[in-house]
Amino acid sequence: MVAYHEEVMASLVEHGERSRKTGKDLFEHQAACWVKLQKVHGPVIVRSGSQRGFLERLRGGETMATLSSNAWDPALKGVLADLGLPDSLLDVARFLHDALFDPREVLDLTKTAGLPDEQVVRRLSDAFYGALTGWASR
């Protein structure tokens, strides 16, 4: 299952690397791909979830956390820049992104709530921007 999850994350890394988008546009481009990936791969990814938090796993060098960081960090850094927030909030952006875009939650919104992919991307992205801005103001 880990190899399967790694393959999914590697495809997301490649998706982002092929894009010429930046900032929020890159973030939402990645988010749209992520939501689509969850429809196919989410049920398997959910089963291989860790009991440890994202930042702990990233700092410990866990492969999945590192791949996720590789896939999302350029977009997260771009969001910080677009929002006029300092790069020092990258770990906060990682944490908030991981919490909001968890495969379980994406599947809940698409399958259980029946929201179209575009609404899931828009709502989660807006929630992410708001949470990040709110966190930065404290």
N, C-alpha and C. Protein backbone atom coordinates (compact mmCIF):
# COMPACT_ATOMS: atom_id res chain seq x y z
N MET A 1 0.82 -1.20 0.00
CA MET A 1 0.00 0.00 0.00
C MET A 1 0.86 1.26 0.00
N VAL A 2 1.97 1.19 0.70
CA VAL A 2 2.86 2.35 0.75
C VAL A 2 3.38 2.67 -0.65
N ALA A 3 3.79 1.64 -1.40
CA ALA A 3 4.28 1.85 -2.76
C ALA A 3 3.19 2.46 -3.64
N TYR A 4 1.98 2.01 -3.46
CA TYR A 4 0.84 2.54 -4.21
C TYR A 4 0.67 4.02 -3.91
N HIS A 5 0.67 4.38 -2.63
CA HIS A 5 0.53 5.77 -2.21
C HIS A 5 1.69 6.61 -2.75
N GLU A 6 2.89 6.05 -2.70
CA GLU A 6 4.05 6.77 -3.22
C GLU A 6 3.89 7.06 -4.71
N GLU A 7 3.34 6.12 -5.46
CA GLU A 7 3.11 6.31 -6.89
C GLU A 7 2.11 7.44 -7.14
N VAL A 8 1.06 7.48 -6.35
CA VAL A 8 0.06 8.55 -6.48
C VAL A 8 0.70 9.90 -6.19
N MET A 9 1.48 9.97 -5.13
CA MET A 9 2.13 11.24 -4.77
C MET A 9 3.15 11.64 -5.82
N ALA A 10 3.87 10.69 -6.37
CA ALA A 10 4.84 11.00 -7.42
C ALA A 10 4.14 11.58 -8.64
N SER A 11 2.94 11.08 -8.95
CA SER A 11 2.19 11.64 -10.08
C SER A 11 1.77 13.08 -9.79
N LEU A 12 1.47 13.39 -8.54
CA LEU A 12 1.11 14.76 -8.16
C LEU A 12 2.34 15.68 -8.25
N VAL A 13 3.49 15.17 -7.84
CA VAL A 13 4.74 15.95 -7.98
C VAL A 13 4.95 16.30 -9.44
N GLU A 14 4.84 15.30 -10.31
CA GLU A 14 5.04 15.52 -11.75
C GLU A 14 4.03 16.52 -12.31
N HIS A 15 2.80 16.41 -11.87
CA HIS A 15 1.74 17.32 -12.31
C HIS A 15 2.13 18.76 -12.00
N GLY A 16 2.58 19.00 -10.80
CA GLY A 16 2.99 20.35 -10.41
C GLY A 16 4.22 20.83 -11.15
N GLU A 17 5.16 19.93 -11.37
CA GLU A 17 6.39 20.32 -12.07
C GLU A 17 6.13 20.68 -13.53
N ARG A 18 5.13 20.07 -14.14
CA ARG A 18 4.79 20.36 -15.53
C ARG A 18 4.05 21.69 -15.69
N SER A 19 3.50 22.20 -14.62
CA SER A 19 2.70 23.41 -14.69
C SER A 19 3.57 24.66 -14.75
N ARG A 20 3.09 25.64 -15.47
CA ARG A 20 3.76 26.95 -15.51
C ARG A 20 3.07 27.94 -14.58
N LYS A 21 2.06 27.47 -13.85
CA LYS A 21 1.30 28.33 -12.96
C LYS A 21 2.13 28.65 -11.71
N THR A 22 1.74 29.73 -11.03
CA THR A 22 2.41 30.12 -9.79
C THR A 22 1.36 30.54 -8.77
N GLY A 23 1.79 30.69 -7.54
CA GLY A 23 0.93 31.21 -6.48
C GLY A 23 -0.35 30.43 -6.28
N LYS A 24 -1.43 31.16 -6.07
CA LYS A 24 -2.72 30.52 -5.83
C LYS A 24 -3.17 29.71 -7.04
N ASP A 25 -2.81 30.15 -8.25
CA ASP A 25 -3.19 29.39 -9.45
C ASP A 25 -2.55 28.01 -9.44
N LEU A 26 -1.28 27.94 -9.05
CA LEU A 26 -0.61 26.64 -8.95
C LEU A 26 -1.23 25.80 -7.85
N PHE A 27 -1.52 26.44 -6.71
CA PHE A 27 -2.14 25.72 -5.60
C PHE A 27 -3.47 25.09 -6.04
N GLU A 28 -4.30 25.87 -6.68
CA GLU A 28 -5.62 25.37 -7.09
C GLU A 28 -5.50 24.35 -8.22
N HIS A 29 -4.48 24.47 -9.06
CA HIS A 29 -4.19 23.49 -10.10
C HIS A 29 -3.84 22.14 -9.44
N GLN A 30 -2.99 22.19 -8.42
CA GLN A 30 -2.62 20.98 -7.68
C GLN A 30 -3.83 20.43 -6.92
N ALA A 31 -4.61 21.33 -6.32
CA ALA A 31 -5.78 20.89 -5.56
C ALA A 31 -6.78 20.17 -6.46
N ALA A 32 -6.99 20.67 -7.66
CA ALA A 32 -7.91 20.02 -8.59
C ALA A 32 -7.42 18.63 -8.95
N CYS A 33 -6.13 18.49 -9.18
CA CYS A 33 -5.57 17.17 -9.47
C CYS A 33 -5.73 16.26 -8.26
N TRP A 34 -5.47 16.77 -7.07
CA TRP A 34 -5.57 15.99 -5.84
C TRP A 34 -6.99 15.46 -5.64
N VAL A 35 -7.97 16.32 -5.84
CA VAL A 35 -9.38 15.91 -5.67
C VAL A 35 -9.70 14.79 -6.66
N LYS A 36 -9.27 14.92 -7.90
CA LYS A 36 -9.52 13.87 -8.90
C LYS A 36 -8.81 12.58 -8.52
N LEU A 37 -7.59 12.68 -8.04
CA LEU A 37 -6.85 11.48 -7.62
C LEU A 37 -7.56 10.75 -6.48
N GLN A 38 -8.20 11.51 -5.60
CA GLN A 38 -8.86 10.88 -4.45
C GLN A 38 -10.04 10.02 -4.86
N LYS A 39 -10.71 10.41 -5.94
CA LYS A 39 -11.85 9.62 -6.41
C LYS A 39 -11.44 8.20 -6.76
N VAL A 40 -10.24 8.06 -7.29
CA VAL A 40 -9.74 6.75 -7.71
C VAL A 40 -8.90 6.10 -6.60
N HIS A 41 -8.00 6.85 -6.02
CA HIS A 41 -7.01 6.29 -5.11
C HIS A 41 -7.28 6.55 -3.63
N GLY A 42 -8.18 7.47 -3.32
CA GLY A 42 -8.44 7.86 -1.94
C GLY A 42 -8.77 6.72 -1.00
N PRO A 43 -9.65 5.80 -1.38
CA PRO A 43 -9.98 4.70 -0.46
C PRO A 43 -8.77 3.87 -0.04
N VAL A 44 -7.82 3.70 -0.93
CA VAL A 44 -6.61 2.94 -0.59
C VAL A 44 -5.69 3.80 0.27
N ILE A 45 -5.55 5.08 -0.09
CA ILE A 45 -4.67 5.97 0.66
C ILE A 45 -5.14 6.11 2.11
N VAL A 46 -6.43 6.20 2.30
CA VAL A 46 -6.99 6.33 3.64
C VAL A 46 -6.56 5.15 4.52
N ARG A 47 -6.54 3.97 3.96
CA ARG A 47 -6.17 2.78 4.74
C ARG A 47 -4.71 2.79 5.17
N SER A 48 -3.87 3.49 4.43
CA SER A 48 -2.45 3.50 4.76
C SER A 48 -2.06 4.72 5.57
N GLY A 49 -3.03 5.44 6.10
CA GLY A 49 -2.77 6.65 6.87
C GLY A 49 -1.96 6.40 8.13
N SER A 50 -1.17 7.38 8.50
CA SER A 50 -0.32 7.29 9.68
C SER A 50 -1.05 7.79 10.92
N GLN A 51 -0.58 7.37 12.06
CA GLN A 51 -1.10 7.85 13.33
C GLN A 51 -0.35 9.09 13.81
N ARG A 52 0.73 9.44 13.13
CA ARG A 52 1.54 10.61 13.50
C ARG A 52 1.16 11.81 12.64
N GLY A 53 1.38 12.99 13.16
CA GLY A 53 1.07 14.21 12.45
C GLY A 53 2.00 14.45 11.27
N PHE A 54 1.56 15.28 10.34
CA PHE A 54 2.32 15.52 9.12
C PHE A 54 3.70 16.11 9.40
N LEU A 55 3.77 17.14 10.24
CA LEU A 55 5.06 17.78 10.50
C LEU A 55 6.04 16.83 11.17
N GLU A 56 5.55 16.00 12.07
CA GLU A 56 6.41 15.01 12.72
C GLU A 56 6.96 14.03 11.68
N ARG A 57 6.08 13.58 10.80
CA ARG A 57 6.51 12.63 9.77
C ARG A 57 7.50 13.28 8.80
N LEU A 58 7.25 14.54 8.44
CA LEU A 58 8.15 15.24 7.53
C LEU A 58 9.53 15.42 8.16
N ARG A 59 9.55 15.86 9.39
CA ARG A 59 10.84 16.07 10.09
C ARG A 59 11.57 14.76 10.33
N GLY A 60 10.82 13.66 10.42
CA GLY A 60 11.43 12.35 10.60
C GLY A 60 11.88 11.71 9.30
N GLY A 61 11.65 12.40 8.19
CA GLY A 61 12.10 11.90 6.90
C GLY A 61 11.22 10.82 6.29
N GLU A 62 9.97 10.69 6.76
CA GLU A 62 9.09 9.68 6.19
C GLU A 62 8.88 9.96 4.69
N THR A 63 8.94 8.91 3.90
CA THR A 63 8.86 9.03 2.45
C THR A 63 7.59 9.72 1.99
N MET A 64 6.43 9.33 2.51
CA MET A 64 5.17 9.91 2.06
C MET A 64 5.08 11.39 2.39
N ALA A 65 5.52 11.77 3.57
CA ALA A 65 5.50 13.18 3.95
C ALA A 65 6.45 13.99 3.07
N THR A 66 7.60 13.42 2.77
CA THR A 66 8.57 14.09 1.91
C THR A 66 8.01 14.26 0.50
N LEU A 67 7.38 13.20 -0.04
CA LEU A 67 6.76 13.29 -1.36
C LEU A 67 5.64 14.33 -1.37
N SER A 68 4.84 14.36 -0.32
CA SER A 68 3.77 15.34 -0.23
C SER A 68 4.36 16.75 -0.21
N SER A 69 5.40 16.94 0.55
CA SER A 69 6.05 18.24 0.61
C SER A 69 6.60 18.63 -0.76
N ASN A 70 7.20 17.68 -1.46
CA ASN A 70 7.71 17.96 -2.80
C ASN A 70 6.59 18.36 -3.75
N ALA A 71 5.43 17.73 -3.59
CA ALA A 71 4.29 18.01 -4.46
C ALA A 71 3.65 19.36 -4.16
N TRP A 72 3.61 19.74 -2.90
CA TRP A 72 2.84 20.91 -2.50
C TRP A 72 3.66 22.15 -2.17
N ASP A 73 4.91 22.02 -1.75
CA ASP A 73 5.68 23.18 -1.28
C ASP A 73 5.77 24.32 -2.28
N PRO A 74 6.02 24.07 -3.57
CA PRO A 74 6.06 25.21 -4.49
C PRO A 74 4.73 25.98 -4.50
N ALA A 75 3.62 25.27 -4.48
CA ALA A 75 2.31 25.93 -4.45
C ALA A 75 2.08 26.65 -3.12
N LEU A 76 2.46 26.01 -2.02
CA LEU A 76 2.28 26.64 -0.70
C LEU A 76 3.12 27.91 -0.58
N LYS A 77 4.34 27.86 -1.07
CA LYS A 77 5.19 29.06 -1.04
C LYS A 77 4.58 30.17 -1.90
N GLY A 78 4.00 29.78 -3.03
CA GLY A 78 3.35 30.76 -3.89
C GLY A 78 2.13 31.39 -3.23
N VAL A 79 1.37 30.59 -2.50
CA VAL A 79 0.21 31.12 -1.77
C VAL A 79 0.68 32.12 -0.71
N LEU A 80 1.72 31.75 0.01
CA LEU A 80 2.26 32.68 1.01
C LEU A 80 2.64 34.01 0.36
N ALA A 81 3.31 33.94 -0.77
CA ALA A 81 3.71 35.16 -1.47
C ALA A 81 2.49 35.95 -1.93
N ASP A 82 1.51 35.26 -2.52
CA ASP A 82 0.30 35.96 -3.00
C ASP A 82 -0.46 36.62 -1.86
N LEU A 83 -0.43 36.01 -0.69
CA LEU A 83 -1.14 36.57 0.46
C LEU A 83 -0.28 37.58 1.23
N GLY A 84 0.95 37.79 0.79
CA GLY A 84 1.84 38.73 1.46
C GLY A 84 2.31 38.23 2.81
N LEU A 85 2.41 36.92 2.96
CA LEU A 85 2.82 36.32 4.22
C LEU A 85 4.27 35.82 4.12
N PRO A 86 4.98 35.80 5.25
CA PRO A 86 6.39 35.42 5.21
C PRO A 86 6.60 33.91 4.99
N ASP A 87 7.73 33.59 4.38
CA ASP A 87 8.11 32.18 4.15
C ASP A 87 8.22 31.40 5.46
N SER A 88 8.41 32.11 6.56
CA SER A 88 8.54 31.44 7.86
C SER A 88 7.26 30.71 8.25
N LEU A 89 6.16 30.97 7.54
CA LEU A 89 4.89 30.29 7.82
C LEU A 89 4.70 29.03 6.98
N LEU A 90 5.77 28.57 6.32
CA LEU A 90 5.63 27.38 5.47
C LEU A 90 5.16 26.17 6.27
N ASP A 91 5.70 25.94 7.46
CA ASP A 91 5.24 24.80 8.26
C ASP A 91 3.76 24.94 8.63
N VAL A 92 3.32 26.14 8.91
CA VAL A 92 1.90 26.38 9.20
C VAL A 92 1.07 26.06 7.96
N ALA A 93 1.54 26.51 6.80
CA ALA A 93 0.83 26.21 5.55
C ALA A 93 0.77 24.71 5.31
N ARG A 94 1.87 24.02 5.57
CA ARG A 94 1.90 22.55 5.41
C ARG A 94 0.87 21.91 6.33
N PHE A 95 0.87 22.32 7.58
CA PHE A 95 -0.04 21.76 8.57
C PHE A 95 -1.50 21.98 8.18
N LEU A 96 -1.84 23.23 7.86
CA LEU A 96 -3.23 23.55 7.51
C LEU A 96 -3.66 22.85 6.23
N HIS A 97 -2.77 22.80 5.27
CA HIS A 97 -3.09 22.10 4.02
C HIS A 97 -3.35 20.63 4.29
N ASP A 98 -2.49 20.00 5.06
CA ASP A 98 -2.66 18.57 5.36
C ASP A 98 -3.99 18.31 6.07
N ALA A 99 -4.36 19.19 6.98
CA ALA A 99 -5.61 19.01 7.71
C ALA A 99 -6.83 19.19 6.80
N LEU A 100 -6.81 20.20 5.96
CA LEU A 100 -7.98 20.49 5.13
C LEU A 100 -8.12 19.57 3.92
N PHE A 101 -7.00 19.16 3.34
CA PHE A 101 -7.04 18.37 2.12
C PHE A 101 -6.78 16.89 2.38
N ASP A 102 -7.03 16.45 3.60
CA ASP A 102 -6.90 15.04 3.94
C ASP A 102 -7.80 14.22 3.01
N PRO A 103 -7.31 13.10 2.49
CA PRO A 103 -8.13 12.29 1.59
C PRO A 103 -9.50 11.92 2.16
N ARG A 104 -9.57 11.68 3.45
CA ARG A 104 -10.86 11.35 4.07
C ARG A 104 -11.86 12.48 3.89
N GLU A 105 -11.38 13.70 4.08
CA GLU A 105 -12.26 14.86 3.99
C GLU A 105 -12.64 15.15 2.54
N VAL A 106 -11.70 14.99 1.64
CA VAL A 106 -12.00 15.18 0.21
C VAL A 106 -13.06 14.17 -0.23
N LEU A 107 -12.89 12.91 0.17
CA LEU A 107 -13.88 11.89 -0.18
C LEU A 107 -15.23 12.19 0.47
N ASP A 108 -15.23 12.69 1.68
CA ASP A 108 -16.47 13.04 2.35
C ASP A 108 -17.22 14.12 1.57
N LEU A 109 -16.50 15.11 1.10
CA LEU A 109 -17.13 16.20 0.36
C LEU A 109 -17.61 15.76 -1.03
N THR A 110 -16.81 14.94 -1.71
CA THR A 110 -17.20 14.54 -3.07
C THR A 110 -18.22 13.42 -3.06
N LYS A 111 -18.02 12.41 -2.24
CA LYS A 111 -18.90 11.25 -2.27
C LYS A 111 -20.11 11.38 -1.34
N THR A 112 -19.88 11.77 -0.10
CA THR A 112 -20.98 11.85 0.86
C THR A 112 -21.82 13.11 0.66
N ALA A 113 -21.15 14.26 0.58
CA ALA A 113 -21.88 15.52 0.40
C ALA A 113 -22.28 15.74 -1.05
N GLY A 114 -21.64 15.02 -1.97
CA GLY A 114 -21.99 15.12 -3.38
C GLY A 114 -21.60 16.42 -4.06
N LEU A 115 -20.61 17.11 -3.51
CA LEU A 115 -20.17 18.35 -4.15
C LEU A 115 -19.36 18.06 -5.40
N PRO A 116 -19.54 18.86 -6.44
CA PRO A 116 -18.71 18.70 -7.63
C PRO A 116 -17.25 19.04 -7.30
N ASP A 117 -16.33 18.45 -8.03
CA ASP A 117 -14.91 18.68 -7.79
C ASP A 117 -14.56 20.16 -7.71
N GLU A 118 -15.11 20.94 -8.63
CA GLU A 118 -14.78 22.36 -8.68
C GLU A 118 -15.17 23.09 -7.39
N GLN A 119 -16.31 22.70 -6.81
CA GLN A 119 -16.74 23.31 -5.55
C GLN A 119 -15.85 22.87 -4.40
N VAL A 120 -15.43 21.62 -4.42
CA VAL A 120 -14.54 21.12 -3.37
C VAL A 120 -13.23 21.90 -3.41
N VAL A 121 -12.68 22.05 -4.60
CA VAL A 121 -11.42 22.80 -4.74
C VAL A 121 -11.61 24.24 -4.28
N ARG A 122 -12.68 24.89 -4.73
CA ARG A 122 -12.91 26.29 -4.38
C ARG A 122 -13.10 26.46 -2.88
N ARG A 123 -13.96 25.64 -2.28
CA ARG A 123 -14.27 25.79 -0.86
C ARG A 123 -13.07 25.47 0.03
N LEU A 124 -12.38 24.37 -0.28
CA LEU A 124 -11.21 24.02 0.53
C LEU A 124 -10.09 25.03 0.34
N SER A 125 -9.91 25.52 -0.89
CA SER A 125 -8.87 26.53 -1.13
C SER A 125 -9.18 27.81 -0.36
N ASP A 126 -10.42 28.27 -0.45
CA ASP A 126 -10.80 29.48 0.28
C ASP A 126 -10.66 29.29 1.79
N ALA A 127 -11.04 28.12 2.29
CA ALA A 127 -10.88 27.83 3.73
C ALA A 127 -9.39 27.85 4.09
N PHE A 128 -8.56 27.29 3.23
CA PHE A 128 -7.12 27.27 3.47
C PHE A 128 -6.56 28.70 3.51
N TYR A 129 -6.94 29.52 2.53
CA TYR A 129 -6.44 30.90 2.51
C TYR A 129 -6.89 31.66 3.76
N GLY A 130 -8.13 31.47 4.15
CA GLY A 130 -8.64 32.14 5.34
C GLY A 130 -7.96 31.67 6.61
N ALA A 131 -7.77 30.35 6.73
CA ALA A 131 -7.10 29.82 7.92
C ALA A 131 -5.66 30.30 8.00
N LEU A 132 -4.99 30.33 6.88
CA LEU A 132 -3.59 30.77 6.85
C LEU A 132 -3.48 32.25 7.21
N THR A 133 -4.37 33.04 6.66
CA THR A 133 -4.38 34.47 6.97
C THR A 133 -4.72 34.71 8.44
N GLY A 134 -5.70 33.97 8.94
CA GLY A 134 -6.07 34.09 10.35
C GLY A 134 -4.94 33.68 11.28
N TRP A 135 -4.27 32.61 10.94
CA TRP A 135 -3.15 32.14 11.76
C TRP A 135 -2.06 33.20 11.78
N ALA A 136 -1.78 33.79 10.63
CA ALA A 136 -0.71 34.78 10.53
C ALA A 136 -1.01 36.04 11.31
N SER A 137 -2.28 36.36 11.53
CA SER A 137 -2.63 37.59 12.23
C SER A 137 -2.52 37.46 13.74
N ARG A 138 -2.24 36.28 14.23
CA ARG A 138 -2.13 36.07 15.69
C ARG A 138 -0.76 36.32 16.20
